[in-house]
C-alpha atoms as a PDB file:
ATOM      1  CA  MET A   1      -0.059   0.030  -0.054  1.00  0.00           C
ATOM      2  CA  THR A   2       1.282   3.412  -0.972  1.00  0.00           C
ATOM      3  CA  LYS A   3       0.848   6.535   1.130  1.00  0.00           C
ATOM      4  CA  PRO A   4      -3.005   7.135   1.545  1.00  0.00           C
ATOM      5  CA  LYS A   5      -4.426   9.665  -0.871  1.00  0.00           C
ATOM      6  CA  SER A   6      -7.435  11.938  -0.963  1.00  0.00           C
ATOM      7  CA  VAL A   7      -9.493  10.908  -4.027  1.00  0.00           C
ATOM      8  CA  LEU A   8     -12.557  12.490  -5.672  1.00  0.00           C
ATOM      9  CA  ILE A   9     -14.562  10.152  -7.902  1.00  0.00           C
ATOM     10  CA  THR A  10     -17.526  11.218 -10.003  1.00  0.00           C
ATOM     11  CA  GLY A  11     -20.322   8.925 -11.174  1.00  0.00           C
ATOM     12  CA  CYS A  12     -20.454   6.729  -8.194  1.00  0.00           C
ATOM     13  CA  SER A  13     -24.185   5.851  -8.240  1.00  0.00           C
ATOM     14  CA  SER A  14     -23.393   2.348  -9.602  1.00  0.00           C
ATOM     15  CA  GLY A  15     -20.914   0.213 -11.513  1.00  0.00           C
ATOM     16  CA  ILE A  16     -17.319   1.308 -11.980  1.00  0.00           C
ATOM     17  CA  GLY A  17     -17.676   4.421  -9.783  1.00  0.00           C
ATOM     18  CA  GLN A  18     -19.235   2.722  -6.872  1.00  0.00           C
ATOM     19  CA  THR A  19     -16.971  -0.371  -6.979  1.00  0.00           C
ATOM     20  CA  SER A  20     -13.893   1.965  -7.328  1.00  0.00           C
ATOM     21  CA  ALA A  21     -14.934   4.050  -4.336  1.00  0.00           C
ATOM     22  CA  GLU A  22     -15.377   1.015  -2.195  1.00  0.00           C
ATOM     23  CA  LEU A  23     -12.094  -0.570  -3.079  1.00  0.00           C
ATOM     24  CA  LEU A  24      -9.986   2.564  -2.632  1.00  0.00           C
ATOM     25  CA  ALA A  25     -11.696   3.331   0.793  1.00  0.00           C
ATOM     26  CA  GLN A  26     -11.086  -0.230   1.904  1.00  0.00           C
ATOM     27  CA  LEU A  27      -7.376   0.168   0.985  1.00  0.00           C
ATOM     28  CA  GLY A  28      -7.006   3.187   3.242  1.00  0.00           C
ATOM     29  CA  HIS A  29      -7.511   6.095   0.944  1.00  0.00           C
ATOM     30  CA  THR A  30      -9.859   8.959   1.859  1.00  0.00           C
ATOM     31  CA  VAL A  31     -12.598   8.919  -0.840  1.00  0.00           C
ATOM     32  CA  TYR A  32     -14.985  11.583  -1.911  1.00  0.00           C
ATOM     33  CA  ALA A  33     -17.696   9.624  -3.710  1.00  0.00           C
ATOM     34  CA  THR A  34     -20.045  11.756  -5.750  1.00  0.00           C
ATOM     35  CA  ALA A  35     -23.082  11.329  -7.961  1.00  0.00           C
ATOM     36  CA  ARG A  36     -25.991  13.411  -9.209  1.00  0.00           C
ATOM     37  CA  SER A  37     -28.201  11.890  -6.629  1.00  0.00           C
ATOM     38  CA  LEU A  38     -27.239  11.618  -3.015  1.00  0.00           C
ATOM     39  CA  ASP A  39     -29.814   8.796  -2.399  1.00  0.00           C
ATOM     40  CA  SER A  40     -27.837   6.566  -4.800  1.00  0.00           C
ATOM     41  CA  LEU A  41     -24.872   6.847  -2.543  1.00  0.00           C
ATOM     42  CA  SER A  42     -26.516   5.775   0.798  1.00  0.00           C
ATOM     43  CA  ALA A  43     -25.930   2.048   0.413  1.00  0.00           C
ATOM     44  CA  LEU A  44     -22.346   2.643  -0.657  1.00  0.00           C
ATOM     45  CA  ARG A  45     -21.690   4.901   2.333  1.00  0.00           C
ATOM     46  CA  ALA A  46     -23.223   2.290   4.721  1.00  0.00           C
ATOM     47  CA  ARG A  47     -21.094  -0.650   3.241  1.00  0.00           C
ATOM     48  CA  ILE A  48     -17.832   1.267   3.562  1.00  0.00           C
ATOM     49  CA  GLU A  49     -18.475   2.581   6.968  1.00  0.00           C
ATOM     50  CA  SER A  50     -19.168  -0.983   8.149  1.00  0.00           C
ATOM     51  CA  THR A  51     -15.670  -1.909   7.090  1.00  0.00           C
ATOM     52  CA  SER A  52     -14.006   1.277   8.744  1.00  0.00           C
ATOM     53  CA  GLY A  53     -13.220   2.679   5.259  1.00  0.00           C
ATOM     54  CA  ALA A  54     -12.907   6.589   5.034  1.00  0.00           C
ATOM     55  CA  ILE A  55     -15.527   7.914   2.697  1.00  0.00           C
ATOM     56  CA  SER A  56     -17.583  11.071   2.277  1.00  0.00           C
ATOM     57  CA  THR A  57     -20.406  11.425  -0.201  1.00  0.00           C
ATOM     58  CA  ALA A  58     -21.507  14.533  -1.948  1.00  0.00           C
ATOM     59  CA  GLN A  59     -23.976  15.521  -4.712  1.00  0.00           C
ATOM     60  CA  LEU A  60     -22.085  16.504  -7.896  1.00  0.00           C
ATOM     61  CA  ASP A  61     -23.624  16.845 -11.253  1.00  0.00           C
ATOM     62  CA  VAL A  62     -20.786  17.266 -13.884  1.00  0.00           C
ATOM     63  CA  THR A  63     -23.003  19.386 -15.990  1.00  0.00           C
ATOM     64  CA  ASP A  64     -23.765  21.967 -13.341  1.00  0.00           C
ATOM     65  CA  GLN A  65     -21.058  24.368 -12.526  1.00  0.00           C
ATOM     66  CA  GLU A  66     -22.478  25.306  -9.209  1.00  0.00           C
ATOM     67  CA  SER A  67     -22.712  21.708  -8.094  1.00  0.00           C
ATOM     68  CA  ILE A  68     -19.098  21.163  -9.020  1.00  0.00           C
ATOM     69  CA  GLU A  69     -17.972  24.226  -7.144  1.00  0.00           C
ATOM     70  CA  ALA A  70     -19.992  23.187  -4.053  1.00  0.00           C
ATOM     71  CA  ALA A  71     -18.393  19.842  -3.981  1.00  0.00           C
ATOM     72  CA  LEU A  72     -14.831  21.262  -4.237  1.00  0.00           C
ATOM     73  CA  SER A  73     -15.649  23.878  -1.558  1.00  0.00           C
ATOM     74  CA  ALA A  74     -16.737  21.061   0.753  1.00  0.00           C
ATOM     75  CA  ILE A  75     -13.472  19.247   0.227  1.00  0.00           C
ATOM     76  CA  ARG A  76     -11.514  22.484   0.963  1.00  0.00           C
ATOM     77  CA  ALA A  77     -13.557  23.037   4.217  1.00  0.00           C
ATOM     78  CA  ILE A  78     -12.657  19.545   5.413  1.00  0.00           C
ATOM     79  CA  GLY A  79      -9.010  20.436   5.048  1.00  0.00           C
ATOM     80  CA  ALA A  80      -7.792  17.076   3.903  1.00  0.00           C
ATOM     81  CA  GLY A  81      -6.562  18.382   0.423  1.00  0.00           C
ATOM     82  CA  LEU A  82      -7.055  16.538  -2.804  1.00  0.00           C
ATOM     83  CA  ASP A  83      -4.468  14.260  -4.441  1.00  0.00           C
ATOM     84  CA  VAL A  84      -6.550  12.574  -7.238  1.00  0.00           C
ATOM     85  CA  VAL A  85      -9.500  13.209  -9.405  1.00  0.00           C
ATOM     86  CA  VAL A  86     -11.228  10.136 -11.116  1.00  0.00           C
ATOM     87  CA  ASN A  87     -13.404  11.436 -13.904  1.00  0.00           C
ATOM     88  CA  ASN A  88     -15.749   8.455 -14.256  1.00  0.00           C
ATOM     89  CA  ALA A  89     -19.209  10.007 -14.714  1.00  0.00           C
ATOM     90  CA  GLY A  90     -20.632   9.256 -18.175  1.00  0.00           C
ATOM     91  CA  TYR A  91     -23.329   7.367 -20.062  1.00  0.00           C
ATOM     92  CA  GLY A  92     -23.817   5.954 -23.607  1.00  0.00           C
ATOM     93  CA  GLN A  93     -26.253   7.522 -26.115  1.00  0.00           C
ATOM     94  CA  PHE A  94     -27.561   4.806 -28.442  1.00  0.00           C
ATOM     95  CA  GLY A  95     -28.721   5.222 -31.990  1.00  0.00           C
ATOM     96  CA  ALA A  96     -27.613   5.753 -35.531  1.00  0.00           C
ATOM     97  CA  ILE A  97     -26.078   9.099 -36.527  1.00  0.00           C
ATOM     98  CA  GLU A  98     -29.009   9.918 -38.587  1.00  0.00           C
ATOM     99  CA  ASP A  99     -31.596   9.116 -35.834  1.00  0.00           C
ATOM    100  CA  VAL A 100     -30.149  10.875 -32.794  1.00  0.00           C
ATOM    101  CA  PRO A 101     -31.382  14.486 -32.527  1.00  0.00           C
ATOM    102  CA  LEU A 102     -28.810  17.127 -31.974  1.00  0.00           C
ATOM    103  CA  ASP A 103     -29.959  17.944 -28.468  1.00  0.00           C
ATOM    104  CA  ARG A 104     -29.004  14.400 -27.454  1.00  0.00           C
ATOM    105  CA  TRP A 105     -25.633  14.873 -29.179  1.00  0.00           C
ATOM    106  CA  ARG A 106     -25.088  17.905 -27.098  1.00  0.00           C
ATOM    107  CA  ARG A 107     -26.085  16.226 -23.889  1.00  0.00           C
ATOM    108  CA  GLN A 108     -23.637  13.303 -24.487  1.00  0.00           C
ATOM    109  CA  PHE A 109     -20.773  15.698 -24.970  1.00  0.00           C
ATOM    110  CA  GLU A 110     -21.951  17.898 -21.947  1.00  0.00           C
ATOM    111  CA  VAL A 111     -21.635  14.811 -19.677  1.00  0.00           C
ATOM    112  CA  ASN A 112     -18.772  12.886 -21.113  1.00  0.00           C
ATOM    113  CA  LEU A 113     -16.438  15.482 -22.363  1.00  0.00           C
ATOM    114  CA  PHE A 114     -17.385  18.889 -20.943  1.00  0.00           C
ATOM    115  CA  GLY A 115     -18.255  17.503 -17.551  1.00  0.00           C
ATOM    116  CA  THR A 116     -14.713  15.827 -17.334  1.00  0.00           C
ATOM    117  CA  VAL A 117     -13.189  19.253 -18.333  1.00  0.00           C
ATOM    118  CA  ALA A 118     -15.298  21.254 -15.894  1.00  0.00           C
ATOM    119  CA  VAL A 119     -14.439  18.958 -12.904  1.00  0.00           C
ATOM    120  CA  THR A 120     -10.737  18.916 -13.885  1.00  0.00           C
ATOM    121  CA  GLN A 121     -10.668  22.779 -14.151  1.00  0.00           C
ATOM    122  CA  ALA A 122     -12.256  23.179 -10.842  1.00  0.00           C
ATOM    123  CA  ALA A 123      -9.975  20.687  -9.070  1.00  0.00           C
ATOM    124  CA  LEU A 124      -6.654  21.747 -10.416  1.00  0.00           C
ATOM    125  CA  PRO A 125      -6.130  24.572  -7.787  1.00  0.00           C
ATOM    126  CA  LEU A 126      -6.287  21.916  -5.151  1.00  0.00           C
ATOM    127  CA  LEU A 127      -4.298  19.346  -7.037  1.00  0.00           C
ATOM    128  CA  ARG A 128      -1.465  21.812  -7.477  1.00  0.00           C
ATOM    129  CA  GLU A 129      -1.169  21.899  -3.657  1.00  0.00           C
ATOM    130  CA  SER A 130      -0.600  18.191  -3.600  1.00  0.00           C
ATOM    131  CA  SER A 131       2.885  16.447  -3.783  1.00  0.00           C
ATOM    132  CA  ASP A 132       1.557  13.472  -5.539  1.00  0.00           C
ATOM    133  CA  ALA A 133      -1.411  14.700  -7.637  1.00  0.00           C
ATOM    134  CA  ARG A 134      -2.807  12.933 -10.627  1.00  0.00           C
ATOM    135  CA  ILE A 135      -5.949  12.947 -12.863  1.00  0.00           C
ATOM    136  CA  VAL A 136      -7.531   9.655 -13.954  1.00  0.00           C
ATOM    137  CA  ASN A 137     -10.008   9.818 -16.896  1.00  0.00           C
ATOM    138  CA  VAL A 138     -12.197   6.849 -17.526  1.00  0.00           C
ATOM    139  CA  SER A 139     -12.344   6.477 -21.339  1.00  0.00           C
ATOM    140  CA  SER A 140     -13.086   3.385 -23.438  1.00  0.00           C
ATOM    141  CA  THR A 141     -11.783   1.103 -26.092  1.00  0.00           C
ATOM    142  CA  VAL A 142     -14.140   2.953 -28.575  1.00  0.00           C
ATOM    143  CA  ALA A 143     -11.775   5.845 -28.258  1.00  0.00           C
ATOM    144  CA  TYR A 144      -9.847   3.909 -30.910  1.00  0.00           C
ATOM    145  CA  VAL A 145     -12.244   1.654 -32.654  1.00  0.00           C
ATOM    146  CA  THR A 146     -15.769   2.954 -33.557  1.00  0.00           C
ATOM    147  CA  THR A 147     -18.810   0.657 -33.268  1.00  0.00           C
ATOM    148  CA  PRO A 148     -22.034   1.006 -35.241  1.00  0.00           C
ATOM    149  CA  LEU A 149     -25.157   2.481 -33.664  1.00  0.00           C
ATOM    150  CA  MET A 150     -23.060   3.930 -30.867  1.00  0.00           C
ATOM    151  CA  GLY A 151     -21.322   6.747 -32.865  1.00  0.00           C
ATOM    152  CA  VAL A 152     -22.550   9.503 -30.505  1.00  0.00           C
ATOM    153  CA  TYR A 153     -20.935   7.894 -27.434  1.00  0.00           C
ATOM    154  CA  ASN A 154     -17.878   6.806 -29.559  1.00  0.00           C
ATOM    155  CA  ALA A 155     -17.256  10.426 -30.586  1.00  0.00           C
ATOM    156  CA  SER A 156     -17.397  11.682 -27.108  1.00  0.00           C
ATOM    157  CA  LYS A 157     -14.796   9.066 -25.968  1.00  0.00           C
ATOM    158  CA  TYR A 158     -12.549   9.943 -28.886  1.00  0.00           C
ATOM    159  CA  ALA A 159     -12.752  13.575 -27.708  1.00  0.00           C
ATOM    160  CA  VAL A 160     -11.905  12.531 -24.083  1.00  0.00           C
ATOM    161  CA  ARG A 161      -8.906  10.667 -25.389  1.00  0.00           C
ATOM    162  CA  SER A 162      -7.669  13.741 -27.399  1.00  0.00           C
ATOM    163  CA  MET A 163      -8.299  16.073 -24.567  1.00  0.00           C
ATOM    164  CA  SER A 164      -6.439  13.878 -22.084  1.00  0.00           C
ATOM    165  CA  ALA A 165      -3.386  13.880 -24.392  1.00  0.00           C
ATOM    166  CA  ALA A 166      -3.282  17.583 -24.516  1.00  0.00           C
ATOM    167  CA  LEU A 167      -3.805  17.932 -20.791  1.00  0.00           C
ATOM    168  CA  ARG A 168      -1.008  15.474 -20.113  1.00  0.00           C
ATOM    169  CA  MET A 169       1.535  17.623 -21.992  1.00  0.00           C
ATOM    170  CA  GLU A 170       0.151  20.777 -20.430  1.00  0.00           C
ATOM    171  CA  LEU A 171       0.374  19.570 -16.841  1.00  0.00           C
ATOM    172  CA  ARG A 172       3.785  17.874 -17.239  1.00  0.00           C
ATOM    173  CA  GLY A 173       5.690  20.871 -15.839  1.00  0.00           C
ATOM    174  CA  TRP A 174       3.678  20.611 -12.573  1.00  0.00           C
ATOM    175  CA  GLY A 175       4.353  16.906 -12.373  1.00  0.00           C
ATOM    176  CA  ILE A 176       0.599  15.967 -12.522  1.00  0.00           C
ATOM    177  CA  PRO A 177       0.097  12.775 -14.635  1.00  0.00           C
ATOM    178  CA  VAL A 178      -3.000  12.468 -16.697  1.00  0.00           C
ATOM    179  CA  ILE A 179      -3.874   8.796 -16.886  1.00  0.00           C
ATOM    180  CA  GLU A 180      -6.475   7.076 -19.000  1.00  0.00           C
ATOM    181  CA  VAL A 181      -8.386   3.952 -18.003  1.00  0.00           C
ATOM    182  CA  GLU A 182      -9.829   2.201 -21.076  1.00  0.00           C
ATOM    183  CA  PRO A 183     -12.202  -0.518 -20.538  1.00  0.00           C
ATOM    184  CA  GLY A 184     -13.734  -2.960 -23.136  1.00  0.00           C
ATOM    185  CA  ALA A 185     -17.227  -4.292 -22.670  1.00  0.00           C
ATOM    186  CA  ILE A 186     -18.062  -4.309 -19.041  1.00  0.00           C
ATOM    187  CA  ALA A 187     -20.990  -6.035 -17.279  1.00  0.00           C
ATOM    188  CA  SER A 188     -22.447  -3.120 -15.347  1.00  0.00           C
ATOM    189  CA  ARG A 189     -25.412  -0.735 -15.458  1.00  0.00           C
ATOM    190  CA  PHE A 190     -23.827   0.980 -18.446  1.00  0.00           C
ATOM    191  CA  ARG A 191     -26.055  -1.097 -20.703  1.00  0.00           C
ATOM    192  CA  GLU A 192     -29.118  -0.245 -18.672  1.00  0.00           C
ATOM    193  CA  ASN A 193     -28.155   3.453 -19.093  1.00  0.00           C
ATOM    194  CA  VAL A 194     -27.775   3.000 -22.747  1.00  0.00           C
ATOM    195  CA  GLU A 195     -31.355   1.706 -22.833  1.00  0.00           C
ATOM    196  CA  LYS A 196     -32.454   4.740 -20.818  1.00  0.00           C
ATOM    197  CA  TYR A 197     -30.963   7.125 -23.300  1.00  0.00           C
ATOM    198  CA  ALA A 198     -32.166   5.209 -26.376  1.00  0.00           C
ATOM    199  CA  GLU A 199     -35.879   6.030 -26.170  1.00  0.00           C
ATOM    200  CA  ARG A 200     -36.353   4.398 -29.641  1.00  0.00           C
ATOM    201  CA  GLU A 201     -39.913   5.743 -29.870  1.00  0.00           C
ATOM    202  CA  HIS A 202     -38.375   9.153 -30.361  1.00  0.00           C
ATOM    203  CA  LEU A 203     -35.840   8.115 -33.022  1.00  0.00           C
ATOM    204  CA  ARG A 204     -36.723   9.837 -36.211  1.00  0.00           C
ATOM    205  CA  THR A 205     -36.540   7.216 -39.035  1.00  0.00           C
ATOM    206  CA  GLU A 206     -37.649   3.638 -39.687  1.00  0.00           C
ATOM    207  CA  HIS A 207     -34.522   2.718 -41.673  1.00  0.00           C
ATOM    208  CA  TYR A 208     -32.575   1.197 -38.691  1.00  0.00           C
ATOM    209  CA  ARG A 209     -35.197  -0.878 -36.973  1.00  0.00           C
ATOM    210  CA  ARG A 210     -33.744  -4.222 -38.017  1.00  0.00           C
ATOM    211  CA  ALA A 211     -30.244  -3.097 -37.068  1.00  0.00           C
ATOM    212  CA  TYR A 212     -31.443  -2.016 -33.589  1.00  0.00           C
ATOM    213  CA  ALA A 213     -33.055  -5.412 -33.010  1.00  0.00           C
ATOM    214  CA  ALA A 214     -29.945  -7.269 -34.298  1.00  0.00           C
ATOM    215  CA  TYR A 215     -27.698  -5.137 -32.138  1.00  0.00           C
ATOM    216  CA  GLU A 216     -29.812  -6.075 -29.050  1.00  0.00           C
ATOM    217  CA  ARG A 217     -29.317  -9.794 -29.823  1.00  0.00           C
ATOM    218  CA  GLY A 218     -25.610  -9.238 -30.173  1.00  0.00           C
ATOM    219  CA  TRP A 219     -25.423  -7.692 -26.698  1.00  0.00           C
ATOM    220  CA  GLU A 220     -27.440 -10.663 -25.279  1.00  0.00           C
ATOM    221  CA  ARG A 221     -24.870 -13.023 -26.761  1.00  0.00           C
ATOM    222  CA  LEU A 222     -22.091 -11.030 -25.117  1.00  0.00           C
ATOM    223  CA  ASN A 223     -23.981 -11.239 -21.843  1.00  0.00           C
ATOM    224  CA  ARG A 224     -24.474 -15.010 -22.072  1.00  0.00           C
ATOM    225  CA  ALA A 225     -20.732 -15.499 -22.904  1.00  0.00           C
ATOM    226  CA  GLY A 226     -19.903 -13.556 -19.669  1.00  0.00           C
ATOM    227  CA  MET A 227     -18.458  -9.987 -19.750  1.00  0.00           C
ATOM    228  CA  THR A 228     -15.916  -8.727 -17.245  1.00  0.00           C
ATOM    229  CA  GLY A 229     -17.421  -7.084 -14.258  1.00  0.00           C
ATOM    230  CA  PRO A 230     -16.762  -3.482 -12.902  1.00  0.00           C
ATOM    231  CA  ALA A 231     -14.226  -4.875 -10.366  1.00  0.00           C
ATOM    232  CA  ALA A 232     -11.608  -5.283 -13.092  1.00  0.00           C
ATOM    233  CA  VAL A 233     -11.892  -1.586 -13.980  1.00  0.00           C
ATOM    234  CA  ALA A 234     -11.852  -0.565 -10.289  1.00  0.00           C
ATOM    235  CA  ARG A 235      -8.557  -2.477  -9.960  1.00  0.00           C
ATOM    236  CA  ALA A 236      -7.097  -0.588 -12.977  1.00  0.00           C
ATOM    237  CA  ILE A 237      -8.270   2.680 -11.317  1.00  0.00           C
ATOM    238  CA  GLN A 238      -6.702   1.584  -8.032  1.00  0.00           C
ATOM    239  CA  ARG A 239      -3.404   0.997  -9.835  1.00  0.00           C
ATOM    240  CA  ALA A 240      -3.640   4.353 -11.553  1.00  0.00           C
ATOM    241  CA  VAL A 241      -4.019   5.952  -8.095  1.00  0.00           C
ATOM    242  CA  ASP A 242      -1.338   3.920  -6.290  1.00  0.00           C
ATOM    243  CA  ASP A 243       1.428   3.153  -8.838  1.00  0.00           C
ATOM    244  CA  LYS A 244       4.513   5.122  -8.049  1.00  0.00           C
ATOM    245  CA  ARG A 245       5.117   5.625 -11.713  1.00  0.00           C
ATOM    246  CA  PRO A 246       1.655   5.404 -13.345  1.00  0.00           C
ATOM    247  CA  ARG A 247       1.325   4.422 -16.967  1.00  0.00           C
ATOM    248  CA  ARG A 248      -0.354   6.750 -19.377  1.00  0.00           C
ATOM    249  CA  ARG A 249      -3.288   4.329 -19.785  1.00  0.00           C
ATOM    250  CA  TYR A 250      -4.526   1.101 -18.307  1.00  0.00           C
ATOM    251  CA  ARG A 251      -6.457  -1.166 -20.574  1.00  0.00           C
ATOM    252  CA  VAL A 252      -9.042  -3.572 -19.318  1.00  0.00           C
ATOM    253  CA  THR A 253     -10.401  -6.937 -20.772  1.00  0.00           C
ATOM    254  CA  PHE A 254      -8.738  -8.884 -23.597  1.00  0.00           C
ATOM    255  CA  ILE A 255     -10.720  -7.011 -26.281  1.00  0.00           C
ATOM    256  CA  GLY A 256      -9.866  -3.701 -24.526  1.00  0.00           C
ATOM    257  CA  LYS A 257      -6.178  -4.485 -25.042  1.00  0.00           C
ATOM    258  CA  LEU A 258      -6.440  -6.128 -28.440  1.00  0.00           C
ATOM    259  CA  LEU A 259      -8.369  -3.492 -30.457  1.00  0.00           C
ATOM    260  CA  PRO A 260      -6.166  -0.427 -29.664  1.00  0.00           C
ATOM    261  CA  ALA A 261      -3.128  -2.579 -30.461  1.00  0.00           C
ATOM    262  CA  ILE A 262      -4.219  -3.332 -33.926  1.00  0.00           C
ATOM    263  CA  TYR A 263      -5.716   0.013 -34.500  1.00  0.00           C
ATOM    264  CA  GLY A 264      -4.007   1.453 -37.637  1.00  0.00           C
ATOM    265  CA  LEU A 265      -2.688  -2.055 -38.629  1.00  0.00           C
ATOM    266  CA  VAL A 266      -5.916  -3.499 -39.929  1.00  0.00           C
ATOM    267  CA  PRO A 267      -7.476  -1.801 -43.078  1.00  0.00           C
ATOM    268  CA  GLU A 268     -10.448   0.278 -42.321  1.00  0.00           C
ATOM    269  CA  ARG A 269     -12.616  -1.595 -44.752  1.00  0.00           C
ATOM    270  CA  LEU A 270     -11.842  -4.843 -42.860  1.00  0.00           C
ATOM    271  CA  MET A 271     -12.243  -3.164 -39.434  1.00  0.00           C
ATOM    272  CA  ASP A 272     -15.736  -1.944 -40.513  1.00  0.00           C
ATOM    273  CA  ARG A 273     -16.604  -5.493 -41.426  1.00  0.00           C
ATOM    274  CA  ILE A 274     -15.362  -6.761 -38.244  1.00  0.00           C
ATOM    275  CA  MET A 275     -17.344  -4.332 -36.254  1.00  0.00           C
ATOM    276  CA  LEU A 276     -20.590  -4.937 -38.105  1.00  0.00           C
ATOM    277  CA  ARG A 277     -20.344  -8.708 -37.707  1.00  0.00           C
ATOM    278  CA  SER A 278     -19.250  -8.426 -34.076  1.00  0.00           C
ATOM    279  CA  PHE A 279     -22.459  -6.528 -33.260  1.00  0.00           C
ATOM    280  CA  GLY A 280     -24.674  -8.651 -35.511  1.00  0.00           C
ATOM    281  CA  VAL A 281     -25.714  -5.918 -37.784  1.00  0.00           C
ATOM    282  CA  MET A 282     -24.061  -6.843 -41.003  1.00  0.00           C
ATOM    283  CA  GLY A 283     -26.821  -7.050 -43.692  1.00  0.00           C
ATOM    284  CA  THR A 284     -29.420  -5.096 -41.702  1.00  0.00           C
ATOM    285  CA  LEU A 285     -28.535  -1.639 -42.919  1.00  0.00           C
ATOM    286  CA  GLY A 286     -30.020  -0.543 -46.103  1.00  0.00           C
ATOM    287  CA  ARG A 287     -29.487  -1.952 -49.617  1.00  0.00           C
ATOM    288  CA  ARG A 288     -26.352  -3.865 -50.277  1.00  0.00           C
ATOM    289  CA  ARG A 289     -24.063  -1.763 -52.693  1.00  0.00           C
ATOM    290  CA  ARG A 290     -20.602  -2.045 -53.984  1.00  0.00           C
ATOM    291  CA  GLU A 291     -18.189  -0.382 -51.475  1.00  0.00           C
ATOM    292  CA  PRO A 292     -16.101   2.481 -52.798  1.00  0.00           C
END
């Protein structure tokens, strides 16, 4: 165990965020677990307190600047400082590019990209006071390889990856590493949240109905085959927090390690086919035409 750190984690209502908060608190870190709803954090707080873990919970909506400032002010008031920010809050917008209205595009980027930036900007004054500060951004394998019918989410994670790379260079002089954790497909409430933001009855065209149904069957096959749980991502986040010399990125699951490694090596036309077949939507999208 390294020296205990003070860690702020966003998106702790379930899945990766909640599991990471529990793990880090049990290992002796002081954890500030945050989510949009305080009610969603009550069970987490009770579990950790029963094991003598150090945790505080706070309401933090990454799309609300006042909420972010209030959470950071509460940390300042406690006086324990801040060593690590884990930008985990996010969700996945489902739907074809043509089908997803622009307001939902904007909402996706408000949460996944702008929310990450807003929390980072607000936290940096505190992080600069730490002797071992670091920023951990939870990204995804789809920051490298795009999947069909999740292009809105994919685009937001590409943006997080690019932003993280720039931030890493800009903070180098202050000795603040910017670390990316990149999971592949994870068995968590992410899929449930994808369903929440799908709202297919509001999608605007009929062209993709067969593809949506096929995509659902593909996800069911993945679930039956057994996907990696959020604990694997929590362990990667813990390593990003604890490693004396953290890597620039920690990749989780076999696919999560394989796809970025072959990115740029496999011809795009072949990669397109692989993605279409992997998600079961080959042949469900429009009329067959000769590819350019």
